[in-house]
């Protein structure tokens, strides 16, 4: 069924629709029945229900100060931004489409900035807490964001917009964490020069391990490189064999034979090197799979 805007529905009819929706909340199929009966979408029906709920909450609230219309849209804007991953321009377009005010990009941008500035950049613990750091660098509009999380809970320990990714900047980052009673047993991260150097300056005796993703990522790049080299060695051996068969004189045959044997030895070494690395990576890939082929989480005993 195709739904269109219904400006012809008078307020009394809309109130009646909301009343039906309110009374039949939780009844399977009733919302669809009401929507079809009045030629409206279920999305519009739920919007009417939400608006009525907000108005009733304000009407029967014990607070004397009425909430501004814009304040009631703030949770929706945050929901679209954080859970829906919507851009500010997209949220503005949605609000305009639904007739919500204010809906300008500038207003929404200022609103998100206000809430973002109000949030602390570092998690503060009430007592000394020892965790494992997981550090990384991400970028927003080409500006570096230094991020440290606790990997088991994925809690953000500290996130800061920095001017650079130098060792001194990362050192101050880790010292701030310790000042907020978040201590470390070690850290896992990639091999970022500033990150690793800053961590070691802040905690000279602390444990640092490279994350497996970047380590294996580099190995897979190496596998592709060694595969190309192996095919190149095969081509050289084939070319050396062709030249050997074209030789006429005994001296030239002897020279071509030596070149062929050298090419053959280099080909065998290149192929063996590639095969060994490819087999190792295949075993690692299988060992690090989180789930079995049936979709069940693997255990230590099953590896």
C-alpha atoms as a PDB file:
ATOM      1  CA  UNK A   1       0.000   0.000   0.000  1.00  0.00           C
ATOM      2  CA  UNK A   2       1.336   3.432  -0.941  1.00  0.00           C
ATOM      3  CA  UNK A   3       1.220   6.065   1.813  1.00  0.00           C
ATOM      4  CA  UNK A   4       1.024   9.798   1.230  1.00  0.00           C
ATOM      5  CA  UNK A   5       0.864  12.827   3.491  1.00  0.00           C
ATOM      6  CA  UNK A   6      -2.582  13.312   5.046  1.00  0.00           C
ATOM      7  CA  UNK A   7      -3.100  17.023   5.690  1.00  0.00           C
ATOM      8  CA  UNK A   8      -6.822  16.312   5.368  1.00  0.00           C
ATOM      9  CA  UNK A   9      -6.933  14.521   8.725  1.00  0.00           C
ATOM     10  CA  UNK A  10      -8.371  17.002  11.271  1.00  0.00           C
ATOM     11  CA  UNK A  11      -6.963  17.224  14.826  1.00  0.00           C
ATOM     12  CA  UNK A  12      -9.905  15.310  16.269  1.00  0.00           C
ATOM     13  CA  UNK A  13      -9.229  12.386  13.923  1.00  0.00           C
ATOM     14  CA  UNK A  14      -5.556  12.418  14.837  1.00  0.00           C
ATOM     15  CA  UNK A  15      -6.476  12.384  18.527  1.00  0.00           C
ATOM     16  CA  UNK A  16      -8.736   9.402  17.871  1.00  0.00           C
ATOM     17  CA  UNK A  17      -5.904   7.610  16.042  1.00  0.00           C
ATOM     18  CA  UNK A  18      -3.539   8.216  18.951  1.00  0.00           C
ATOM     19  CA  UNK A  19      -6.165   6.973  21.385  1.00  0.00           C
ATOM     20  CA  UNK A  20      -6.566   3.734  19.426  1.00  0.00           C
ATOM     21  CA  UNK A  21      -2.782   3.280  19.235  1.00  0.00           C
ATOM     22  CA  UNK A  22      -2.433   3.996  22.953  1.00  0.00           C
ATOM     23  CA  UNK A  23      -5.126   1.504  23.957  1.00  0.00           C
ATOM     24  CA  UNK A  24      -3.783  -1.232  21.695  1.00  0.00           C
ATOM     25  CA  UNK A  25      -0.092  -1.031  22.530  1.00  0.00           C
ATOM     26  CA  UNK A  26       1.386  -4.514  22.629  1.00  0.00           C
ATOM     27  CA  UNK A  27      -1.522  -6.120  20.749  1.00  0.00           C
ATOM     28  CA  UNK A  28      -0.049  -8.027  17.821  1.00  0.00           C
ATOM     29  CA  UNK A  29      -1.082  -6.643  14.431  1.00  0.00           C
ATOM     30  CA  UNK A  30      -3.229  -3.851  15.836  1.00  0.00           C
ATOM     31  CA  UNK A  31      -0.887  -1.025  14.801  1.00  0.00           C
ATOM     32  CA  UNK A  32      -0.909  -2.287  11.211  1.00  0.00           C
ATOM     33  CA  UNK A  33      -4.695  -2.526  11.325  1.00  0.00           C
ATOM     34  CA  UNK A  34      -5.053   1.074  12.554  1.00  0.00           C
ATOM     35  CA  UNK A  35      -2.531   2.348   9.990  1.00  0.00           C
ATOM     36  CA  UNK A  36      -4.332   0.600   7.134  1.00  0.00           C
ATOM     37  CA  UNK A  37      -7.741   1.799   8.317  1.00  0.00           C
ATOM     38  CA  UNK A  38      -6.706   5.469   8.200  1.00  0.00           C
ATOM     39  CA  UNK A  39      -4.351   5.219   5.213  1.00  0.00           C
ATOM     40  CA  UNK A  40      -1.249   6.205   7.147  1.00  0.00           C
ATOM     41  CA  UNK A  41       2.125   4.558   7.691  1.00  0.00           C
ATOM     42  CA  UNK A  42       3.063   2.845  10.915  1.00  0.00           C
ATOM     43  CA  UNK A  43       6.027   5.235  11.142  1.00  0.00           C
ATOM     44  CA  UNK A  44       3.632   8.187  11.231  1.00  0.00           C
ATOM     45  CA  UNK A  45       1.466   6.333  13.752  1.00  0.00           C
ATOM     46  CA  UNK A  46       4.398   5.830  16.097  1.00  0.00           C
ATOM     47  CA  UNK A  47       5.370   9.485  15.665  1.00  0.00           C
ATOM     48  CA  UNK A  48       1.879  10.527  16.780  1.00  0.00           C
ATOM     49  CA  UNK A  49       2.142   8.154  19.733  1.00  0.00           C
ATOM     50  CA  UNK A  50       5.561   9.517  20.745  1.00  0.00           C
ATOM     51  CA  UNK A  51       4.370  13.124  20.461  1.00  0.00           C
ATOM     52  CA  UNK A  52       1.309  12.355  22.586  1.00  0.00           C
ATOM     53  CA  UNK A  53       3.447  10.581  25.190  1.00  0.00           C
ATOM     54  CA  UNK A  54       5.781  13.587  25.436  1.00  0.00           C
ATOM     55  CA  UNK A  55       2.857  15.996  25.812  1.00  0.00           C
ATOM     56  CA  UNK A  56       1.217  13.883  28.487  1.00  0.00           C
ATOM     57  CA  UNK A  57       4.505  13.535  30.345  1.00  0.00           C
ATOM     58  CA  UNK A  58       4.857  17.341  30.403  1.00  0.00           C
ATOM     59  CA  UNK A  59       1.202  17.827  31.364  1.00  0.00           C
ATOM     60  CA  UNK A  60       1.326  15.495  34.346  1.00  0.00           C
ATOM     61  CA  UNK A  61       4.880  16.299  35.385  1.00  0.00           C
ATOM     62  CA  UNK A  62       5.432  17.651  38.893  1.00  0.00           C
ATOM     63  CA  UNK A  63       8.060  20.038  37.532  1.00  0.00           C
ATOM     64  CA  UNK A  64       6.884  23.616  37.101  1.00  0.00           C
ATOM     65  CA  UNK A  65       9.349  24.473  34.344  1.00  0.00           C
ATOM     66  CA  UNK A  66       8.156  23.343  30.945  1.00  0.00           C
ATOM     67  CA  UNK A  67      10.667  21.745  28.639  1.00  0.00           C
ATOM     68  CA  UNK A  68      11.393  23.539  25.386  1.00  0.00           C
ATOM     69  CA  UNK A  69      10.308  21.828  22.134  1.00  0.00           C
ATOM     70  CA  UNK A  70      13.936  21.623  21.040  1.00  0.00           C
ATOM     71  CA  UNK A  71      14.883  19.704  24.187  1.00  0.00           C
ATOM     72  CA  UNK A  72      12.446  16.909  23.336  1.00  0.00           C
ATOM     73  CA  UNK A  73      14.237  16.393  20.005  1.00  0.00           C
ATOM     74  CA  UNK A  74      17.711  16.224  21.500  1.00  0.00           C
ATOM     75  CA  UNK A  75      17.508  12.511  22.459  1.00  0.00           C
ATOM     76  CA  UNK A  76      16.297  11.712  18.936  1.00  0.00           C
ATOM     77  CA  UNK A  77      19.164  13.693  17.395  1.00  0.00           C
ATOM     78  CA  UNK A  78      21.703  11.877  19.589  1.00  0.00           C
ATOM     79  CA  UNK A  79      20.126   8.532  18.735  1.00  0.00           C
ATOM     80  CA  UNK A  80      20.358   9.202  15.005  1.00  0.00           C
ATOM     81  CA  UNK A  81      23.945  10.418  15.345  1.00  0.00           C
ATOM     82  CA  UNK A  82      25.382   7.727  17.635  1.00  0.00           C
ATOM     83  CA  UNK A  83      23.310   4.629  16.921  1.00  0.00           C
ATOM     84  CA  UNK A  84      22.215   5.424  13.388  1.00  0.00           C
ATOM     85  CA  UNK A  85      25.665   6.744  12.381  1.00  0.00           C
ATOM     86  CA  UNK A  86      23.885   9.531  10.529  1.00  0.00           C
ATOM     87  CA  UNK A  87      25.706  12.603   9.287  1.00  0.00           C
ATOM     88  CA  UNK A  88      24.608  16.009  10.545  1.00  0.00           C
ATOM     89  CA  UNK A  89      23.344  16.850   7.065  1.00  0.00           C
ATOM     90  CA  UNK A  90      21.273  13.638   6.999  1.00  0.00           C
ATOM     91  CA  UNK A  91      19.777  14.315  10.432  1.00  0.00           C
ATOM     92  CA  UNK A  92      18.923  17.845   9.328  1.00  0.00           C
ATOM     93  CA  UNK A  93      17.181  16.458   6.234  1.00  0.00           C
ATOM     94  CA  UNK A  94      15.213  13.972   8.359  1.00  0.00           C
ATOM     95  CA  UNK A  95      14.065  16.706  10.745  1.00  0.00           C
ATOM     96  CA  UNK A  96      13.013  18.939   7.842  1.00  0.00           C
ATOM     97  CA  UNK A  97      11.108  16.072   6.253  1.00  0.00           C
ATOM     98  CA  UNK A  98       9.256  15.411   9.504  1.00  0.00           C
ATOM     99  CA  UNK A  99       8.622  19.113  10.141  1.00  0.00           C
ATOM    100  CA  UNK A 100      10.719  19.227  13.338  1.00  0.00           C
ATOM    101  CA  UNK A 101      12.228  22.499  14.543  1.00  0.00           C
ATOM    102  CA  UNK A 102      15.029  23.505  14.864  1.00  0.00           C
ATOM    103  CA  UNK A 103      16.455  21.516  11.976  1.00  0.00           C
ATOM    104  CA  UNK A 104      19.371  23.539  10.576  1.00  0.00           C
ATOM    105  CA  UNK A 105      22.809  21.981  10.142  1.00  0.00           C
ATOM    106  CA  UNK A 106      24.356  24.822  12.156  1.00  0.00           C
ATOM    107  CA  UNK A 107      22.056  24.277  15.125  1.00  0.00           C
ATOM    108  CA  UNK A 108      22.620  20.499  15.157  1.00  0.00           C
ATOM    109  CA  UNK A 109      26.375  20.956  14.814  1.00  0.00           C
ATOM    110  CA  UNK A 110      26.469  23.383  17.744  1.00  0.00           C
ATOM    111  CA  UNK A 111      24.307  21.021  19.787  1.00  0.00           C
ATOM    112  CA  UNK A 112      26.598  18.030  19.199  1.00  0.00           C
ATOM    113  CA  UNK A 113      29.681  20.138  19.945  1.00  0.00           C
ATOM    114  CA  UNK A 114      28.124  21.319  23.214  1.00  0.00           C
ATOM    115  CA  UNK A 115      27.514  17.756  24.378  1.00  0.00           C
ATOM    116  CA  UNK A 116      30.884  16.580  23.107  1.00  0.00           C
ATOM    117  CA  UNK A 117      32.717  19.303  25.046  1.00  0.00           C
ATOM    118  CA  UNK A 118      30.740  18.459  28.168  1.00  0.00           C
ATOM    119  CA  UNK A 119      31.956  14.856  28.144  1.00  0.00           C
ATOM    120  CA  UNK A 120      35.260  14.111  29.911  1.00  0.00           C
ATOM    121  CA  UNK A 121      38.062  12.891  27.677  1.00  0.00           C
ATOM    122  CA  UNK A 122      39.469  10.579  30.363  1.00  0.00           C
ATOM    123  CA  UNK A 123      37.739   7.930  32.450  1.00  0.00           C
ATOM    124  CA  UNK A 124      38.196   8.644  36.162  1.00  0.00           C
ATOM    125  CA  UNK A 125      38.243   5.731  38.611  1.00  0.00           C
ATOM    126  CA  UNK A 126      37.362   6.039  42.290  1.00  0.00           C
ATOM    127  CA  UNK A 127      40.275   3.800  43.235  1.00  0.00           C
ATOM    128  CA  UNK A 128      43.394   2.405  41.620  1.00  0.00           C
ATOM    129  CA  UNK A 129      42.395   0.154  38.724  1.00  0.00           C
ATOM    130  CA  UNK A 130      44.869  -2.028  36.855  1.00  0.00           C
ATOM    131  CA  UNK A 131      43.996  -2.857  33.252  1.00  0.00           C
ATOM    132  CA  UNK A 132      45.632  -3.703  29.952  1.00  0.00           C
ATOM    133  CA  UNK A 133      45.907  -0.778  27.562  1.00  0.00           C
ATOM    134  CA  UNK A 134      44.985  -1.036  23.901  1.00  0.00           C
ATOM    135  CA  UNK A 135      46.216   2.077  22.105  1.00  0.00           C
ATOM    136  CA  UNK A 136      45.700   3.337  18.591  1.00  0.00           C
ATOM    137  CA  UNK A 137      45.565   6.442  16.426  1.00  0.00           C
ATOM    138  CA  UNK A 138      42.551   7.409  14.332  1.00  0.00           C
ATOM    139  CA  UNK A 139      41.894  10.530  12.304  1.00  0.00           C
ATOM    140  CA  UNK A 140      39.053  13.055  12.082  1.00  0.00           C
ATOM    141  CA  UNK A 141      39.386  15.604   9.261  1.00  0.00           C
ATOM    142  CA  UNK A 142      43.120  14.743   9.097  1.00  0.00           C
ATOM    143  CA  UNK A 143      43.591  15.580  12.798  1.00  0.00           C
ATOM    144  CA  UNK A 144      44.941  12.721  14.973  1.00  0.00           C
ATOM    145  CA  UNK A 145      42.839  11.267  17.774  1.00  0.00           C
ATOM    146  CA  UNK A 146      44.807   9.350  20.409  1.00  0.00           C
ATOM    147  CA  UNK A 147      42.680   6.537  21.803  1.00  0.00           C
ATOM    148  CA  UNK A 148      43.280   4.080  24.639  1.00  0.00           C
ATOM    149  CA  UNK A 149      40.688   1.482  25.579  1.00  0.00           C
ATOM    150  CA  UNK A 150      40.382  -1.532  27.854  1.00  0.00           C
ATOM    151  CA  UNK A 151      40.079  -4.435  25.387  1.00  0.00           C
ATOM    152  CA  UNK A 152      37.936  -6.826  27.428  1.00  0.00           C
ATOM    153  CA  UNK A 153      35.104  -4.360  28.140  1.00  0.00           C
ATOM    154  CA  UNK A 154      35.972  -2.009  25.211  1.00  0.00           C
ATOM    155  CA  UNK A 155      35.613   0.892  27.668  1.00  0.00           C
ATOM    156  CA  UNK A 156      37.257   4.095  26.403  1.00  0.00           C
ATOM    157  CA  UNK A 157      39.907   5.057  28.946  1.00  0.00           C
ATOM    158  CA  UNK A 158      41.039   8.223  27.188  1.00  0.00           C
ATOM    159  CA  UNK A 159      40.417   9.863  23.832  1.00  0.00           C
ATOM    160  CA  UNK A 160      41.954  13.186  22.891  1.00  0.00           C
ATOM    161  CA  UNK A 161      42.255  15.383  19.851  1.00  0.00           C
ATOM    162  CA  UNK A 162      45.983  16.001  19.443  1.00  0.00           C
ATOM    163  CA  UNK A 163      48.120  18.262  17.310  1.00  0.00           C
ATOM    164  CA  UNK A 164      50.586  15.466  16.504  1.00  0.00           C
ATOM    165  CA  UNK A 165      51.438  11.817  17.227  1.00  0.00           C
ATOM    166  CA  UNK A 166      54.869  12.378  18.706  1.00  0.00           C
ATOM    167  CA  UNK A 167      56.378  10.446  21.603  1.00  0.00           C
ATOM    168  CA  UNK A 168      55.984  13.412  23.975  1.00  0.00           C
ATOM    169  CA  UNK A 169      52.267  13.705  23.155  1.00  0.00           C
ATOM    170  CA  UNK A 170      51.693  10.002  23.765  1.00  0.00           C
ATOM    171  CA  UNK A 171      53.755  10.145  26.973  1.00  0.00           C
ATOM    172  CA  UNK A 172      51.509  12.903  28.345  1.00  0.00           C
ATOM    173  CA  UNK A 173      48.494  10.822  27.278  1.00  0.00           C
ATOM    174  CA  UNK A 174      49.599   7.833  29.383  1.00  0.00           C
ATOM    175  CA  UNK A 175      50.634   9.985  32.332  1.00  0.00           C
ATOM    176  CA  UNK A 176      47.151  11.513  32.383  1.00  0.00           C
ATOM    177  CA  UNK A 177      45.647   8.032  32.553  1.00  0.00           C
ATOM    178  CA  UNK A 178      47.774   7.184  35.561  1.00  0.00           C
ATOM    179  CA  UNK A 179      46.795  10.465  37.226  1.00  0.00           C
ATOM    180  CA  UNK A 180      43.158   9.334  36.896  1.00  0.00           C
ATOM    181  CA  UNK A 181      44.001   6.110  38.779  1.00  0.00           C
ATOM    182  CA  UNK A 182      43.965   3.948  35.627  1.00  0.00           C
ATOM    183  CA  UNK A 183      47.147   1.887  35.825  1.00  0.00           C
ATOM    184  CA  UNK A 184      48.450  -0.679  33.349  1.00  0.00           C
ATOM    185  CA  UNK A 185      49.808  -4.201  33.368  1.00  0.00           C
ATOM    186  CA  UNK A 186      50.889  -3.755  29.762  1.00  0.00           C
ATOM    187  CA  UNK A 187      49.782  -2.486  26.381  1.00  0.00           C
ATOM    188  CA  UNK A 188      49.001  -3.934  22.976  1.00  0.00           C
ATOM    189  CA  UNK A 189      49.258  -1.674  19.959  1.00  0.00           C
ATOM    190  CA  UNK A 190      50.592  -1.438  16.454  1.00  0.00           C
ATOM    191  CA  UNK A 191      54.176  -0.388  15.818  1.00  0.00           C
ATOM    192  CA  UNK A 192      53.423   3.340  15.551  1.00  0.00           C
ATOM    193  CA  UNK A 193      56.707   5.123  16.244  1.00  0.00           C
ATOM    194  CA  UNK A 194      55.343   7.866  18.489  1.00  0.00           C
ATOM    195  CA  UNK A 195      52.911   5.574  20.286  1.00  0.00           C
ATOM    196  CA  UNK A 196      55.492   2.948  21.227  1.00  0.00           C
ATOM    197  CA  UNK A 197      58.190   5.496  22.122  1.00  0.00           C
ATOM    198  CA  UNK A 198      55.793   7.539  24.262  1.00  0.00           C
ATOM    199  CA  UNK A 199      54.582   4.458  26.121  1.00  0.00           C
ATOM    200  CA  UNK A 200      58.128   3.323  26.861  1.00  0.00           C
ATOM    201  CA  UNK A 201      59.090   6.800  28.065  1.00  0.00           C
ATOM    202  CA  UNK A 202      56.097   6.889  30.397  1.00  0.00           C
ATOM    203  CA  UNK A 203      56.551   3.290  31.574  1.00  0.00           C
ATOM    204  CA  UNK A 204      60.123   2.112  30.859  1.00  0.00           C
ATOM    205  CA  UNK A 205      59.711  -1.308  32.487  1.00  0.00           C
ATOM    206  CA  UNK A 206      56.178  -2.026  31.264  1.00  0.00           C
ATOM    207  CA  UNK A 207      55.171  -4.798  28.884  1.00  0.00           C
ATOM    208  CA  UNK A 208      54.388  -3.933  25.274  1.00  0.00           C
ATOM    209  CA  UNK A 209      53.210  -6.384  22.619  1.00  0.00           C
ATOM    210  CA  UNK A 210      52.365  -5.776  18.991  1.00  0.00           C
ATOM    211  CA  UNK A 211      48.777  -6.478  18.043  1.00  0.00           C
ATOM    212  CA  UNK A 212      48.263  -9.610  15.965  1.00  0.00           C
ATOM    213  CA  UNK A 213      46.252  -7.897  13.247  1.00  0.00           C
ATOM    214  CA  UNK A 214      49.078  -5.653  12.051  1.00  0.00           C
ATOM    215  CA  UNK A 215      51.683  -8.397  12.472  1.00  0.00           C
ATOM    216  CA  UNK A 216      49.706 -10.889  10.379  1.00  0.00           C
ATOM    217  CA  UNK A 217      48.693  -8.164   7.936  1.00  0.00           C
ATOM    218  CA  UNK A 218      52.378  -7.550   7.210  1.00  0.00           C
ATOM    219  CA  UNK A 219      52.981 -11.282   6.811  1.00  0.00           C
ATOM    220  CA  UNK A 220      50.193 -11.568   4.248  1.00  0.00           C
ATOM    221  CA  UNK A 221      51.745  -8.686   2.319  1.00  0.00           C
ATOM    222  CA  UNK A 222      55.060 -10.569   2.483  1.00  0.00           C
ATOM    223  CA  UNK A 223      53.367 -13.726   1.189  1.00  0.00           C
ATOM    224  CA  UNK A 224      52.136 -11.874  -1.892  1.00  0.00           C
ATOM    225  CA  UNK A 225      55.650 -10.467  -2.421  1.00  0.00           C
ATOM    226  CA  UNK A 226      57.293 -13.880  -2.109  1.00  0.00           C
ATOM    227  CA  UNK A 227      54.699 -15.391  -4.448  1.00  0.00           C
ATOM    228  CA  UNK A 228      55.637 -12.875  -7.150  1.00  0.00           C
ATOM    229  CA  UNK A 229      59.310 -13.621  -6.568  1.00  0.00           C
ATOM    230  CA  UNK A 230      58.660 -17.376  -6.875  1.00  0.00           C
ATOM    231  CA  UNK A 231      56.867 -16.907 -10.201  1.00  0.00           C
ATOM    232  CA  UNK A 232      59.740 -14.694 -11.314  1.00  0.00           C
ATOM    233  CA  UNK A 233      62.240 -17.426 -10.393  1.00  0.00           C
ATOM    234  CA  UNK A 234      60.175 -19.989 -12.344  1.00  0.00           C
ATOM    235  CA  UNK A 235      60.295 -17.728 -15.390  1.00  0.00           C
ATOM    236  CA  UNK A 236      64.073 -17.341 -15.025  1.00  0.00           C
ATOM    237  CA  UNK A 237      64.542 -21.112 -14.814  1.00  0.00           C
ATOM    238  CA  UNK A 238      62.383 -21.612 -17.901  1.00  0.00           C
ATOM    239  CA  UNK A 239      64.375 -18.954 -19.778  1.00  0.00           C
ATOM    240  CA  UNK A 240      67.678 -20.534 -18.696  1.00  0.00           C
ATOM    241  CA  UNK A 241      66.479 -23.940 -19.930  1.00  0.00           C
ATOM    242  CA  UNK A 242      65.459 -22.441 -23.281  1.00  0.00           C
ATOM    243  CA  UNK A 243      68.875 -20.807 -23.708  1.00  0.00           C
ATOM    244  CA  UNK A 244      70.622 -24.069 -22.790  1.00  0.00           C
ATOM    245  CA  UNK A 245      68.790 -25.977 -25.527  1.00  0.00           C
ATOM    246  CA  UNK A 246      69.683 -23.285 -28.071  1.00  0.00           C
ATOM    247  CA  UNK A 247      73.435 -23.439 -27.305  1.00  0.00           C
ATOM    248  CA  UNK A 248      75.617 -24.952 -30.070  1.00  0.00           C
ATOM    249  CA  UNK A 249      79.253 -24.974 -28.965  1.00  0.00           C
ATOM    250  CA  UNK A 250      80.564 -27.064 -26.095  1.00  0.00           C
ATOM    251  CA  UNK A 251      81.847 -23.965 -24.256  1.00  0.00           C
ATOM    252  CA  UNK A 252      78.461 -22.274 -24.593  1.00  0.00           C
ATOM    253  CA  UNK A 253      76.656 -25.449 -23.470  1.00  0.00           C
ATOM    254  CA  UNK A 254      78.815 -25.590 -20.325  1.00  0.00           C
ATOM    255  CA  UNK A 255      78.165 -21.909 -19.581  1.00  0.00           C
ATOM    256  CA  UNK A 256      74.407 -22.249 -20.144  1.00  0.00           C
ATOM    257  CA  UNK A 257      74.293 -25.381 -17.985  1.00  0.00           C
ATOM    258  CA  UNK A 258      75.835 -23.514 -15.035  1.00  0.00           C
ATOM    259  CA  UNK A 259      73.337 -20.672 -15.509  1.00  0.00           C
ATOM    260  CA  UNK A 260      70.460 -23.162 -15.650  1.00  0.00           C
ATOM    261  CA  UNK A 261      71.568 -24.958 -12.479  1.00  0.00           C
ATOM    262  CA  UNK A 262      71.842 -21.630 -10.660  1.00  0.00           C
ATOM    263  CA  UNK A 263      68.394 -20.587 -11.875  1.00  0.00           C
ATOM    264  CA  UNK A 264      66.966 -23.968 -10.877  1.00  0.00           C
ATOM    265  CA  UNK A 265      68.457 -23.693  -7.377  1.00  0.00           C
ATOM    266  CA  UNK A 266      67.125 -20.141  -6.946  1.00  0.00           C
ATOM    267  CA  UNK A 267      63.692 -21.274  -8.168  1.00  0.00           C
ATOM    268  CA  UNK A 268      63.544 -24.144  -5.675  1.00  0.00           C
ATOM    269  CA  UNK A 269      64.545 -21.849  -2.826  1.00  0.00           C
ATOM    270  CA  UNK A 270      61.974 -19.192  -3.777  1.00  0.00           C
ATOM    271  CA  UNK A 271      59.209 -21.785  -4.121  1.00  0.00           C
ATOM    272  CA  UNK A 272      60.098 -23.466  -0.814  1.00  0.00           C
ATOM    273  CA  UNK A 273      60.179 -20.113   0.990  1.00  0.00           C
ATOM    274  CA  UNK A 274      56.755 -19.159  -0.361  1.00  0.00           C
ATOM    275  CA  UNK A 275      55.217 -22.586   0.345  1.00  0.00           C
ATOM    276  CA  UNK A 276      56.437 -22.575   3.951  1.00  0.00           C
ATOM    277  CA  UNK A 277      55.086 -19.081   4.631  1.00  0.00           C
ATOM    278  CA  UNK A 278      51.760 -19.846   2.923  1.00  0.00           C
ATOM    279  CA  UNK A 279      51.359 -23.013   5.015  1.00  0.00           C
ATOM    280  CA  UNK A 280      52.253 -21.144   8.230  1.00  0.00           C
ATOM    281  CA  UNK A 281      49.703 -18.413   7.530  1.00  0.00           C
ATOM    282  CA  UNK A 282      47.023 -20.979   6.727  1.00  0.00           C
ATOM    283  CA  UNK A 283      47.660 -22.724  10.068  1.00  0.00           C
ATOM    284  CA  UNK A 284      47.589 -19.370  11.880  1.00  0.00           C
ATOM    285  CA  UNK A 285      44.354 -18.384  10.152  1.00  0.00           C
ATOM    286  CA  UNK A 286      42.702 -21.639  11.225  1.00  0.00           C
ATOM    287  CA  UNK A 287      44.031 -21.379  14.796  1.00  0.00           C
ATOM    288  CA  UNK A 288      42.762 -17.812  15.238  1.00  0.00           C
ATOM    289  CA  UNK A 289      39.232 -18.386  13.956  1.00  0.00           C
ATOM    290  CA  UNK A 290      36.756 -17.233  16.628  1.00  0.00           C
ATOM    291  CA  UNK A 291      34.054 -19.672  15.547  1.00  0.00           C
ATOM    292  CA  UNK A 292      33.896 -23.175  14.182  1.00  0.00           C
ATOM    293  CA  UNK A 293      32.471 -23.944  10.745  1.00  0.00           C
ATOM    294  CA  UNK A 294      29.141 -24.557  12.547  1.00  0.00           C
ATOM    295  CA  UNK A 295      29.177 -21.004  13.963  1.00  0.00           C
ATOM    296  CA  UNK A 296      29.996 -21.948  17.557  1.00  0.00           C
ATOM    297  CA  UNK A 297      32.574 -20.058  19.618  1.00  0.00           C
ATOM    298  CA  UNK A 298      35.822 -21.988  19.891  1.00  0.00           C
ATOM    299  CA  UNK A 299      37.415 -22.821  23.233  1.00  0.00           C
ATOM    300  CA  UNK A 300      41.075 -23.140  24.194  1.00  0.00           C
ATOM    301  CA  UNK A 301      40.723 -26.898  24.286  1.00  0.00           C
ATOM    302  CA  UNK A 302      39.345 -26.941  20.763  1.00  0.00           C
ATOM    303  CA  UNK A 303      42.293 -25.121  19.208  1.00  0.00           C
END
